[in-house]
Amino acid sequence: MKRLLLILLASFGVGIAAVPPQVSRGTIPAGAIIRVRTNQTIDASNAATGRVFTGVLVDDVTNKAGAVMAPRGSPAELGVRSVSNHELALDVVSITINGTRYAVLSSQEVIQGAKKPGVGKNKRTAKFIGGGGAAGTVIGAIAGGGTGALVGGLVGAGGGAAAQTLTRGKSVHVPAESVLTFRLEQPLTK
């Protein structure tokens, strides 16, 4: 009998642990942190101002008392506010809680294209600077002797560095399953 009672109590405890937190009515305060996992790739090539991408909440969003207002896994929509080849601004447009869609005003997450290492950080830079310097030295030597070689070498190396710097930026790319963090700008009352 004791064994049966223990099994019943243990299974009751497991059943309680599996119940998701109850979603309370109330207000999510301004300043609350909202982390969203993207459902799809967001890229400068497929994003336009006003376009909406989907995601889900990574964490429960709570009110000041700690009650869950928006449970983890709730659908969220991210809106594109501005886009260029090297920068993308997103914000949370809405969160759907228990089937009801709520408009949201959040801070923008500005994502910039990944940067390749800058001048002096990779083999490509060395090739540009070295090649420019060598060509400048040869041309300077032909045109002005020893002094011309020195000046030509410096000018050529500078030109090689400038060419490397102008080509180092990359386009914005946010892979699916990326986690983006936003801050609620106005309270959300449900």
N, C-alpha and C. Protein backbone atom coordinates (compact mmCIF):
# COMPACT_ATOMS: atom_id res chain seq x y z
N MET A 1 0.82 -1.19 0.00
CA MET A 1 0.00 0.00 0.00
C MET A 1 0.87 1.26 0.00
N LYS A 2 1.94 1.24 0.84
CA LYS A 2 2.84 2.39 0.90
C LYS A 2 3.50 2.61 -0.46
N ARG A 3 3.85 1.52 -1.10
CA ARG A 3 4.51 1.63 -2.42
C ARG A 3 3.56 2.27 -3.43
N LEU A 4 2.30 1.88 -3.45
CA LEU A 4 1.31 2.44 -4.37
C LEU A 4 1.11 3.92 -4.08
N LEU A 5 1.06 4.28 -2.81
CA LEU A 5 0.91 5.68 -2.43
C LEU A 5 2.11 6.51 -2.88
N LEU A 6 3.32 5.97 -2.73
CA LEU A 6 4.53 6.65 -3.20
C LEU A 6 4.52 6.84 -4.71
N ILE A 7 4.10 5.84 -5.44
CA ILE A 7 4.03 5.94 -6.90
C ILE A 7 3.03 7.01 -7.31
N LEU A 8 1.87 7.03 -6.66
CA LEU A 8 0.85 8.05 -6.97
C LEU A 8 1.36 9.45 -6.67
N LEU A 9 2.00 9.64 -5.53
CA LEU A 9 2.54 10.95 -5.17
C LEU A 9 3.64 11.38 -6.13
N ALA A 10 4.51 10.46 -6.51
CA ALA A 10 5.59 10.78 -7.44
C ALA A 10 5.03 11.17 -8.81
N SER A 11 4.04 10.44 -9.30
CA SER A 11 3.46 10.78 -10.60
C SER A 11 2.70 12.09 -10.54
N PHE A 12 2.07 12.40 -9.41
CA PHE A 12 1.40 13.69 -9.24
C PHE A 12 2.42 14.83 -9.29
N GLY A 13 3.58 14.63 -8.65
CA GLY A 13 4.65 15.63 -8.66
C GLY A 13 5.18 15.86 -10.06
N VAL A 14 5.36 14.80 -10.85
CA VAL A 14 5.82 14.93 -12.23
C VAL A 14 4.78 15.68 -13.05
N GLY A 15 3.50 15.39 -12.84
CA GLY A 15 2.42 16.07 -13.56
C GLY A 15 2.40 17.56 -13.27
N ILE A 16 2.65 17.93 -12.04
CA ILE A 16 2.68 19.35 -11.68
C ILE A 16 3.88 20.04 -12.33
N ALA A 17 5.02 19.38 -12.34
CA ALA A 17 6.23 19.98 -12.92
C ALA A 17 6.07 20.20 -14.42
N ALA A 18 5.26 19.38 -15.10
CA ALA A 18 5.11 19.48 -16.55
C ALA A 18 4.12 20.57 -16.97
N VAL A 19 3.36 21.12 -16.02
CA VAL A 19 2.38 22.16 -16.35
C VAL A 19 3.12 23.47 -16.62
N PRO A 20 2.88 24.10 -17.78
CA PRO A 20 3.57 25.37 -18.07
C PRO A 20 3.08 26.47 -17.13
N PRO A 21 3.90 27.51 -16.95
CA PRO A 21 3.50 28.58 -16.05
C PRO A 21 2.23 29.27 -16.55
N GLN A 22 1.39 29.66 -15.62
CA GLN A 22 0.17 30.38 -15.98
C GLN A 22 0.53 31.79 -16.43
N VAL A 23 -0.10 32.24 -17.50
CA VAL A 23 0.14 33.58 -18.01
C VAL A 23 -0.81 34.53 -17.29
N SER A 24 -0.25 35.53 -16.66
CA SER A 24 -1.04 36.49 -15.89
C SER A 24 -1.53 37.64 -16.76
N ARG A 25 -2.59 38.27 -16.30
CA ARG A 25 -3.04 39.51 -16.92
C ARG A 25 -2.33 40.63 -16.18
N GLY A 26 -2.05 41.70 -16.88
CA GLY A 26 -1.37 42.81 -16.25
C GLY A 26 -0.52 43.56 -17.25
N THR A 27 0.61 44.09 -16.79
CA THR A 27 1.44 44.96 -17.62
C THR A 27 2.89 44.51 -17.59
N ILE A 28 3.47 44.45 -18.78
CA ILE A 28 4.92 44.26 -18.90
C ILE A 28 5.49 45.68 -18.89
N PRO A 29 6.37 45.99 -17.97
CA PRO A 29 6.84 47.37 -17.83
C PRO A 29 7.79 47.79 -18.96
N ALA A 30 7.83 49.09 -19.22
CA ALA A 30 8.82 49.64 -20.16
C ALA A 30 10.20 49.30 -19.60
N GLY A 31 11.13 49.01 -20.47
CA GLY A 31 12.47 48.64 -20.06
C GLY A 31 12.69 47.14 -19.95
N ALA A 32 11.59 46.36 -20.03
CA ALA A 32 11.73 44.90 -19.98
C ALA A 32 12.56 44.43 -21.18
N ILE A 33 13.40 43.45 -20.94
CA ILE A 33 14.25 42.88 -21.99
C ILE A 33 13.49 41.76 -22.68
N ILE A 34 13.49 41.81 -24.02
CA ILE A 34 12.82 40.79 -24.83
C ILE A 34 13.87 40.20 -25.76
N ARG A 35 14.11 38.89 -25.62
CA ARG A 35 15.05 38.21 -26.51
C ARG A 35 14.26 37.34 -27.48
N VAL A 36 14.55 37.52 -28.78
CA VAL A 36 13.81 36.82 -29.83
C VAL A 36 14.77 35.97 -30.66
N ARG A 37 14.38 34.71 -30.90
CA ARG A 37 15.15 33.82 -31.79
C ARG A 37 14.48 33.87 -33.16
N THR A 38 15.26 34.23 -34.19
CA THR A 38 14.70 34.36 -35.54
C THR A 38 14.36 32.98 -36.11
N ASN A 39 13.28 32.95 -36.90
CA ASN A 39 12.86 31.71 -37.56
C ASN A 39 13.44 31.57 -38.95
N GLN A 40 13.90 32.68 -39.52
CA GLN A 40 14.39 32.66 -40.89
C GLN A 40 15.61 33.57 -41.02
N THR A 41 16.34 33.39 -42.10
CA THR A 41 17.51 34.22 -42.35
C THR A 41 17.07 35.63 -42.73
N ILE A 42 17.73 36.61 -42.15
CA ILE A 42 17.48 38.01 -42.48
C ILE A 42 18.75 38.53 -43.12
N ASP A 43 18.65 38.99 -44.33
CA ASP A 43 19.81 39.40 -45.11
C ASP A 43 19.49 40.73 -45.77
N ALA A 44 20.51 41.56 -45.96
CA ALA A 44 20.30 42.85 -46.62
C ALA A 44 19.69 42.65 -48.01
N SER A 45 19.95 41.51 -48.63
CA SER A 45 19.43 41.27 -49.98
C SER A 45 17.94 40.90 -49.97
N ASN A 46 17.40 40.38 -48.84
CA ASN A 46 15.98 40.01 -48.81
C ASN A 46 15.16 40.88 -47.85
N ALA A 47 15.78 41.89 -47.26
CA ALA A 47 15.09 42.76 -46.31
C ALA A 47 14.81 44.11 -46.97
N ALA A 48 13.62 44.61 -46.75
CA ALA A 48 13.26 45.94 -47.22
C ALA A 48 12.54 46.64 -46.07
N THR A 49 12.63 47.95 -46.04
CA THR A 49 11.97 48.70 -44.97
C THR A 49 10.49 48.31 -44.94
N GLY A 50 10.00 47.95 -43.75
CA GLY A 50 8.61 47.54 -43.57
C GLY A 50 8.40 46.04 -43.62
N ARG A 51 9.34 45.28 -44.12
CA ARG A 51 9.17 43.83 -44.18
C ARG A 51 9.18 43.25 -42.77
N VAL A 52 8.42 42.19 -42.58
CA VAL A 52 8.29 41.55 -41.27
C VAL A 52 8.89 40.14 -41.33
N PHE A 53 9.69 39.81 -40.32
CA PHE A 53 10.26 38.47 -40.17
C PHE A 53 9.72 37.88 -38.86
N THR A 54 9.67 36.56 -38.78
CA THR A 54 9.10 35.93 -37.59
C THR A 54 10.18 35.37 -36.68
N GLY A 55 9.78 35.18 -35.42
CA GLY A 55 10.66 34.60 -34.42
C GLY A 55 9.83 34.16 -33.23
N VAL A 56 10.51 33.70 -32.19
CA VAL A 56 9.84 33.30 -30.95
C VAL A 56 10.62 33.86 -29.76
N LEU A 57 9.90 34.09 -28.66
CA LEU A 57 10.56 34.57 -27.44
C LEU A 57 11.48 33.48 -26.89
N VAL A 58 12.66 33.88 -26.50
CA VAL A 58 13.64 32.94 -25.95
C VAL A 58 13.35 32.69 -24.47
N ASP A 59 12.92 33.73 -23.75
CA ASP A 59 12.69 33.65 -22.31
C ASP A 59 11.27 34.09 -21.99
N ASP A 60 10.78 33.67 -20.80
CA ASP A 60 9.52 34.23 -20.30
C ASP A 60 9.72 35.72 -20.07
N VAL A 61 8.70 36.52 -20.41
CA VAL A 61 8.73 37.95 -20.11
C VAL A 61 7.79 38.15 -18.93
N THR A 62 8.31 38.79 -17.87
CA THR A 62 7.55 38.92 -16.63
C THR A 62 7.23 40.38 -16.31
N ASN A 63 6.28 40.55 -15.39
CA ASN A 63 5.99 41.90 -14.89
C ASN A 63 6.91 42.19 -13.71
N LYS A 64 6.72 43.32 -13.06
CA LYS A 64 7.61 43.70 -11.94
C LYS A 64 7.53 42.73 -10.77
N ALA A 65 6.38 42.07 -10.60
CA ALA A 65 6.21 41.12 -9.50
C ALA A 65 6.76 39.74 -9.84
N GLY A 66 7.20 39.54 -11.08
CA GLY A 66 7.76 38.25 -11.48
C GLY A 66 6.77 37.30 -12.11
N ALA A 67 5.52 37.73 -12.28
CA ALA A 67 4.51 36.87 -12.91
C ALA A 67 4.76 36.83 -14.42
N VAL A 68 4.60 35.65 -15.01
CA VAL A 68 4.84 35.48 -16.44
C VAL A 68 3.72 36.17 -17.22
N MET A 69 4.13 37.10 -18.08
CA MET A 69 3.16 37.83 -18.91
C MET A 69 3.17 37.31 -20.35
N ALA A 70 4.33 36.90 -20.83
CA ALA A 70 4.47 36.33 -22.17
C ALA A 70 5.42 35.13 -22.05
N PRO A 71 4.90 33.91 -22.23
CA PRO A 71 5.74 32.74 -22.03
C PRO A 71 6.77 32.53 -23.14
N ARG A 72 7.87 31.92 -22.77
CA ARG A 72 8.91 31.52 -23.71
C ARG A 72 8.24 30.72 -24.84
N GLY A 73 8.66 30.96 -26.09
CA GLY A 73 8.10 30.26 -27.24
C GLY A 73 6.95 31.00 -27.90
N SER A 74 6.51 32.12 -27.29
CA SER A 74 5.43 32.91 -27.91
C SER A 74 5.92 33.49 -29.23
N PRO A 75 5.07 33.49 -30.28
CA PRO A 75 5.47 34.06 -31.57
C PRO A 75 5.71 35.57 -31.47
N ALA A 76 6.72 36.04 -32.19
CA ALA A 76 7.03 37.47 -32.25
C ALA A 76 7.28 37.84 -33.70
N GLU A 77 7.01 39.09 -34.04
CA GLU A 77 7.29 39.60 -35.37
C GLU A 77 8.31 40.72 -35.27
N LEU A 78 9.32 40.66 -36.14
CA LEU A 78 10.37 41.67 -36.19
C LEU A 78 10.19 42.49 -37.46
N GLY A 79 10.16 43.82 -37.32
CA GLY A 79 9.99 44.69 -38.47
C GLY A 79 11.30 45.35 -38.87
N VAL A 80 11.54 45.46 -40.17
CA VAL A 80 12.74 46.13 -40.68
C VAL A 80 12.45 47.63 -40.72
N ARG A 81 13.26 48.43 -40.04
CA ARG A 81 13.07 49.88 -39.99
C ARG A 81 13.95 50.60 -41.01
N SER A 82 15.13 50.09 -41.25
CA SER A 82 16.00 50.66 -42.28
C SER A 82 16.98 49.59 -42.71
N VAL A 83 17.46 49.72 -43.94
CA VAL A 83 18.37 48.72 -44.48
C VAL A 83 19.33 49.36 -45.48
N SER A 84 20.57 48.91 -45.42
CA SER A 84 21.57 49.24 -46.44
C SER A 84 22.43 47.99 -46.58
N ASN A 85 23.40 48.02 -47.47
CA ASN A 85 24.25 46.83 -47.65
C ASN A 85 25.04 46.49 -46.40
N HIS A 86 25.32 47.48 -45.55
CA HIS A 86 26.19 47.23 -44.41
C HIS A 86 25.51 47.43 -43.05
N GLU A 87 24.20 47.74 -43.03
CA GLU A 87 23.52 47.97 -41.76
C GLU A 87 22.03 47.66 -41.91
N LEU A 88 21.46 47.08 -40.85
CA LEU A 88 20.05 46.70 -40.84
C LEU A 88 19.49 47.02 -39.46
N ALA A 89 18.37 47.73 -39.40
CA ALA A 89 17.74 48.07 -38.12
C ALA A 89 16.42 47.31 -38.00
N LEU A 90 16.27 46.52 -36.93
CA LEU A 90 15.06 45.73 -36.66
C LEU A 90 14.49 46.14 -35.32
N ASP A 91 13.16 45.98 -35.17
CA ASP A 91 12.55 46.09 -33.85
C ASP A 91 11.39 45.11 -33.75
N VAL A 92 10.94 44.86 -32.51
CA VAL A 92 9.81 43.95 -32.30
C VAL A 92 8.54 44.72 -32.62
N VAL A 93 7.74 44.18 -33.54
CA VAL A 93 6.49 44.81 -33.97
C VAL A 93 5.31 44.27 -33.15
N SER A 94 5.33 42.95 -32.88
CA SER A 94 4.23 42.36 -32.11
C SER A 94 4.67 41.08 -31.44
N ILE A 95 3.91 40.72 -30.40
CA ILE A 95 4.06 39.45 -29.70
C ILE A 95 2.67 38.85 -29.61
N THR A 96 2.54 37.55 -29.92
CA THR A 96 1.26 36.86 -29.81
C THR A 96 1.28 36.04 -28.53
N ILE A 97 0.34 36.34 -27.62
CA ILE A 97 0.27 35.68 -26.32
C ILE A 97 -1.08 34.98 -26.22
N ASN A 98 -1.05 33.66 -26.07
CA ASN A 98 -2.28 32.85 -25.98
C ASN A 98 -3.26 33.18 -27.10
N GLY A 99 -2.76 33.32 -28.33
CA GLY A 99 -3.61 33.54 -29.49
C GLY A 99 -3.99 34.99 -29.76
N THR A 100 -3.63 35.90 -28.88
CA THR A 100 -3.94 37.32 -29.07
C THR A 100 -2.67 38.06 -29.46
N ARG A 101 -2.76 38.82 -30.55
CA ARG A 101 -1.59 39.58 -31.04
C ARG A 101 -1.58 40.96 -30.38
N TYR A 102 -0.43 41.31 -29.79
CA TYR A 102 -0.27 42.61 -29.14
C TYR A 102 0.80 43.40 -29.87
N ALA A 103 0.48 44.64 -30.24
CA ALA A 103 1.47 45.52 -30.86
C ALA A 103 2.48 45.93 -29.80
N VAL A 104 3.73 46.04 -30.22
CA VAL A 104 4.82 46.33 -29.29
C VAL A 104 5.66 47.46 -29.85
N LEU A 105 6.16 48.31 -28.97
CA LEU A 105 7.12 49.34 -29.35
C LEU A 105 8.40 49.04 -28.59
N SER A 106 9.45 48.66 -29.34
CA SER A 106 10.70 48.28 -28.69
C SER A 106 11.85 49.10 -29.25
N SER A 107 13.00 48.99 -28.59
CA SER A 107 14.22 49.60 -29.11
C SER A 107 14.60 48.87 -30.39
N GLN A 108 15.39 49.54 -31.20
CA GLN A 108 15.86 48.92 -32.43
C GLN A 108 17.15 48.15 -32.17
N GLU A 109 17.30 47.05 -32.85
CA GLU A 109 18.55 46.30 -32.86
C GLU A 109 19.20 46.63 -34.19
N VAL A 110 20.34 47.32 -34.15
CA VAL A 110 21.05 47.68 -35.37
C VAL A 110 22.15 46.65 -35.59
N ILE A 111 22.07 45.97 -36.72
CA ILE A 111 23.03 44.93 -37.04
C ILE A 111 23.89 45.43 -38.18
N GLN A 112 25.19 45.39 -37.98
CA GLN A 112 26.12 45.85 -39.01
C GLN A 112 26.79 44.65 -39.65
N GLY A 113 27.14 44.81 -40.92
CA GLY A 113 27.82 43.74 -41.64
C GLY A 113 29.12 43.39 -40.95
N ALA A 114 29.46 42.11 -40.99
CA ALA A 114 30.72 41.67 -40.39
C ALA A 114 31.87 42.35 -41.10
N LYS A 115 32.85 42.70 -40.35
CA LYS A 115 34.03 43.35 -40.92
C LYS A 115 35.13 42.32 -41.06
N LYS A 116 35.78 42.36 -42.18
CA LYS A 116 36.99 41.57 -42.34
C LYS A 116 38.08 42.30 -41.56
N PRO A 117 39.14 41.62 -41.17
CA PRO A 117 40.22 42.31 -40.47
C PRO A 117 40.70 43.51 -41.27
N GLY A 118 41.04 44.58 -40.59
CA GLY A 118 41.42 45.83 -41.24
C GLY A 118 42.84 45.81 -41.76
N VAL A 119 43.35 46.99 -42.05
CA VAL A 119 44.68 47.14 -42.61
C VAL A 119 45.71 46.51 -41.68
N GLY A 120 46.59 45.69 -42.25
CA GLY A 120 47.66 45.07 -41.47
C GLY A 120 47.24 43.81 -40.75
N LYS A 121 46.04 43.31 -40.97
CA LYS A 121 45.56 42.16 -40.21
C LYS A 121 45.53 40.86 -41.00
N ASN A 122 45.79 40.89 -42.31
CA ASN A 122 45.72 39.65 -43.06
C ASN A 122 46.70 39.63 -44.23
N LYS A 123 46.82 38.47 -44.90
CA LYS A 123 47.77 38.32 -46.00
C LYS A 123 47.38 39.20 -47.19
N ARG A 124 46.08 39.40 -47.40
CA ARG A 124 45.64 40.22 -48.54
C ARG A 124 46.16 41.65 -48.40
N THR A 125 46.13 42.19 -47.19
CA THR A 125 46.66 43.53 -46.95
C THR A 125 48.14 43.60 -47.29
N ALA A 126 48.89 42.60 -46.85
CA ALA A 126 50.32 42.59 -47.14
C ALA A 126 50.57 42.58 -48.64
N LYS A 127 49.77 41.84 -49.39
CA LYS A 127 49.93 41.80 -50.84
C LYS A 127 49.65 43.17 -51.46
N PHE A 128 48.54 43.82 -51.01
CA PHE A 128 48.19 45.13 -51.55
C PHE A 128 49.27 46.17 -51.24
N ILE A 129 49.69 46.22 -49.98
CA ILE A 129 50.67 47.24 -49.57
C ILE A 129 52.03 46.93 -50.19
N GLY A 130 52.45 45.68 -50.11
CA GLY A 130 53.75 45.29 -50.68
C GLY A 130 53.80 45.50 -52.18
N GLY A 131 52.74 45.08 -52.87
CA GLY A 131 52.69 45.24 -54.33
C GLY A 131 52.67 46.70 -54.72
N GLY A 132 51.87 47.50 -54.00
CA GLY A 132 51.81 48.95 -54.29
C GLY A 132 53.15 49.62 -54.02
N GLY A 133 53.80 49.22 -52.92
CA GLY A 133 55.09 49.80 -52.57
C GLY A 133 56.16 49.44 -53.59
N ALA A 134 56.18 48.17 -54.03
CA ALA A 134 57.18 47.73 -55.03
C ALA A 134 56.99 48.45 -56.35
N ALA A 135 55.73 48.54 -56.79
CA ALA A 135 55.47 49.23 -58.07
C ALA A 135 55.84 50.71 -57.96
N GLY A 136 55.52 51.34 -56.84
CA GLY A 136 55.85 52.75 -56.64
C GLY A 136 57.36 52.98 -56.62
N THR A 137 58.08 52.06 -55.99
CA THR A 137 59.55 52.18 -55.93
C THR A 137 60.16 52.11 -57.32
N VAL A 138 59.73 51.16 -58.13
CA VAL A 138 60.26 51.01 -59.49
C VAL A 138 59.95 52.25 -60.33
N ILE A 139 58.69 52.69 -60.30
CA ILE A 139 58.31 53.87 -61.09
C ILE A 139 59.06 55.10 -60.59
N GLY A 140 59.18 55.26 -59.26
CA GLY A 140 59.91 56.41 -58.69
C GLY A 140 61.38 56.39 -59.06
N ALA A 141 62.01 55.22 -59.06
CA ALA A 141 63.43 55.11 -59.41
C ALA A 141 63.66 55.50 -60.87
N ILE A 142 62.77 55.06 -61.73
CA ILE A 142 62.91 55.41 -63.15
C ILE A 142 62.73 56.91 -63.35
N ALA A 143 61.75 57.49 -62.64
CA ALA A 143 61.43 58.91 -62.84
C ALA A 143 62.39 59.83 -62.11
N GLY A 144 62.86 59.47 -60.89
CA GLY A 144 63.63 60.45 -60.12
C GLY A 144 64.80 59.91 -59.36
N GLY A 145 65.31 58.77 -59.71
CA GLY A 145 66.50 58.25 -59.02
C GLY A 145 66.17 57.76 -57.62
N GLY A 146 67.17 57.87 -56.68
CA GLY A 146 67.03 57.36 -55.32
C GLY A 146 65.91 58.02 -54.54
N THR A 147 65.82 59.36 -54.60
CA THR A 147 64.75 60.07 -53.88
C THR A 147 63.39 59.71 -54.46
N GLY A 148 63.32 59.61 -55.78
CA GLY A 148 62.06 59.22 -56.43
C GLY A 148 61.64 57.82 -56.04
N ALA A 149 62.61 56.92 -55.84
CA ALA A 149 62.29 55.55 -55.43
C ALA A 149 61.66 55.55 -54.04
N LEU A 150 62.23 56.36 -53.12
CA LEU A 150 61.69 56.43 -51.76
C LEU A 150 60.27 56.98 -51.77
N VAL A 151 60.07 58.12 -52.44
CA VAL A 151 58.74 58.75 -52.50
C VAL A 151 57.76 57.83 -53.21
N GLY A 152 58.17 57.23 -54.32
CA GLY A 152 57.28 56.32 -55.07
C GLY A 152 56.88 55.12 -54.25
N GLY A 153 57.82 54.58 -53.46
CA GLY A 153 57.53 53.43 -52.61
C GLY A 153 56.48 53.77 -51.55
N LEU A 154 56.63 54.94 -50.91
CA LEU A 154 55.65 55.36 -49.88
C LEU A 154 54.27 55.61 -50.49
N VAL A 155 54.24 56.30 -51.65
CA VAL A 155 52.95 56.58 -52.31
C VAL A 155 52.30 55.27 -52.76
N GLY A 156 53.08 54.36 -53.32
CA GLY A 156 52.54 53.08 -53.77
C GLY A 156 51.99 52.25 -52.61
N ALA A 157 52.71 52.22 -51.49
CA ALA A 157 52.25 51.48 -50.32
C ALA A 157 50.95 52.08 -49.79
N GLY A 158 50.87 53.41 -49.75
CA GLY A 158 49.64 54.08 -49.31
C GLY A 158 48.47 53.75 -50.21
N GLY A 159 48.71 53.73 -51.51
CA GLY A 159 47.64 53.37 -52.46
C GLY A 159 47.17 51.94 -52.25
N GLY A 160 48.09 51.02 -51.98
CA GLY A 160 47.71 49.63 -51.71
C GLY A 160 46.87 49.51 -50.45
N ALA A 161 47.24 50.26 -49.41
CA ALA A 161 46.46 50.23 -48.16
C ALA A 161 45.07 50.79 -48.38
N ALA A 162 44.94 51.86 -49.15
CA ALA A 162 43.63 52.46 -49.42
C ALA A 162 42.75 51.48 -50.19
N ALA A 163 43.30 50.79 -51.16
CA ALA A 163 42.52 49.82 -51.92
C ALA A 163 42.00 48.71 -51.01
N GLN A 164 42.82 48.26 -50.05
CA GLN A 164 42.40 47.22 -49.12
C GLN A 164 41.29 47.72 -48.20
N THR A 165 41.40 48.91 -47.68
CA THR A 165 40.42 49.47 -46.76
C THR A 165 39.06 49.62 -47.43
N LEU A 166 39.01 50.07 -48.66
CA LEU A 166 37.74 50.30 -49.35
C LEU A 166 36.99 49.02 -49.67
N THR A 167 37.64 47.88 -49.66
CA THR A 167 36.98 46.64 -50.05
C THR A 167 36.73 45.69 -48.88
N ARG A 168 36.87 46.14 -47.63
CA ARG A 168 36.82 45.17 -46.54
C ARG A 168 35.44 44.96 -45.91
N GLY A 169 34.40 45.79 -46.13
CA GLY A 169 33.09 45.62 -45.50
C GLY A 169 32.31 44.47 -46.12
N LYS A 170 31.43 43.84 -45.33
CA LYS A 170 30.60 42.76 -45.83
C LYS A 170 29.13 43.13 -45.66
N SER A 171 28.28 42.49 -46.43
CA SER A 171 26.84 42.71 -46.36
C SER A 171 26.28 42.13 -45.05
N VAL A 172 25.15 42.67 -44.59
CA VAL A 172 24.51 42.20 -43.36
C VAL A 172 23.86 40.84 -43.61
N HIS A 173 24.08 39.91 -42.67
CA HIS A 173 23.51 38.57 -42.77
C HIS A 173 23.23 38.07 -41.35
N VAL A 174 21.95 37.83 -41.04
CA VAL A 174 21.56 37.29 -39.73
C VAL A 174 21.00 35.89 -39.97
N PRO A 175 21.71 34.85 -39.61
CA PRO A 175 21.23 33.48 -39.87
C PRO A 175 19.97 33.16 -39.07
N ALA A 176 19.18 32.21 -39.58
CA ALA A 176 18.03 31.70 -38.82
C ALA A 176 18.55 31.16 -37.50
N GLU A 177 17.73 31.23 -36.46
CA GLU A 177 18.06 30.77 -35.11
C GLU A 177 18.99 31.73 -34.36
N SER A 178 19.20 32.93 -34.90
CA SER A 178 19.99 33.94 -34.17
C SER A 178 19.13 34.53 -33.07
N VAL A 179 19.75 34.88 -31.94
CA VAL A 179 19.02 35.49 -30.82
C VAL A 179 19.34 36.99 -30.81
N LEU A 180 18.29 37.80 -30.91
CA LEU A 180 18.43 39.26 -30.89
C LEU A 180 17.78 39.79 -29.61
N THR A 181 18.36 40.83 -29.04
CA THR A 181 17.87 41.38 -27.78
C THR A 181 17.30 42.78 -28.00
N PHE A 182 16.11 43.02 -27.44
CA PHE A 182 15.41 44.30 -27.55
C PHE A 182 14.99 44.76 -26.16
N ARG A 183 14.67 46.04 -26.04
CA ARG A 183 14.16 46.60 -24.79
C ARG A 183 12.80 47.21 -25.09
N LEU A 184 11.81 46.90 -24.27
CA LEU A 184 10.46 47.44 -24.45
C LEU A 184 10.48 48.94 -24.16
N GLU A 185 10.03 49.74 -25.11
CA GLU A 185 10.03 51.20 -24.96
C GLU A 185 8.79 51.72 -24.24
N GLN A 186 7.66 51.04 -24.41
CA GLN A 186 6.42 51.44 -23.74
C GLN A 186 5.84 50.21 -23.05
N PRO A 187 5.13 50.40 -21.94
CA PRO A 187 4.52 49.24 -21.26
C PRO A 187 3.54 48.52 -22.17
N LEU A 188 3.42 47.22 -22.00
CA LEU A 188 2.46 46.40 -22.74
C LEU A 188 1.43 45.88 -21.75
N THR A 189 0.20 46.34 -21.88
CA THR A 189 -0.88 45.91 -21.00
C THR A 189 -1.76 44.94 -21.74
N LYS A 190 -2.03 43.82 -21.10
CA LYS A 190 -2.90 42.82 -21.73
C LYS A 190 -4.11 42.53 -20.89
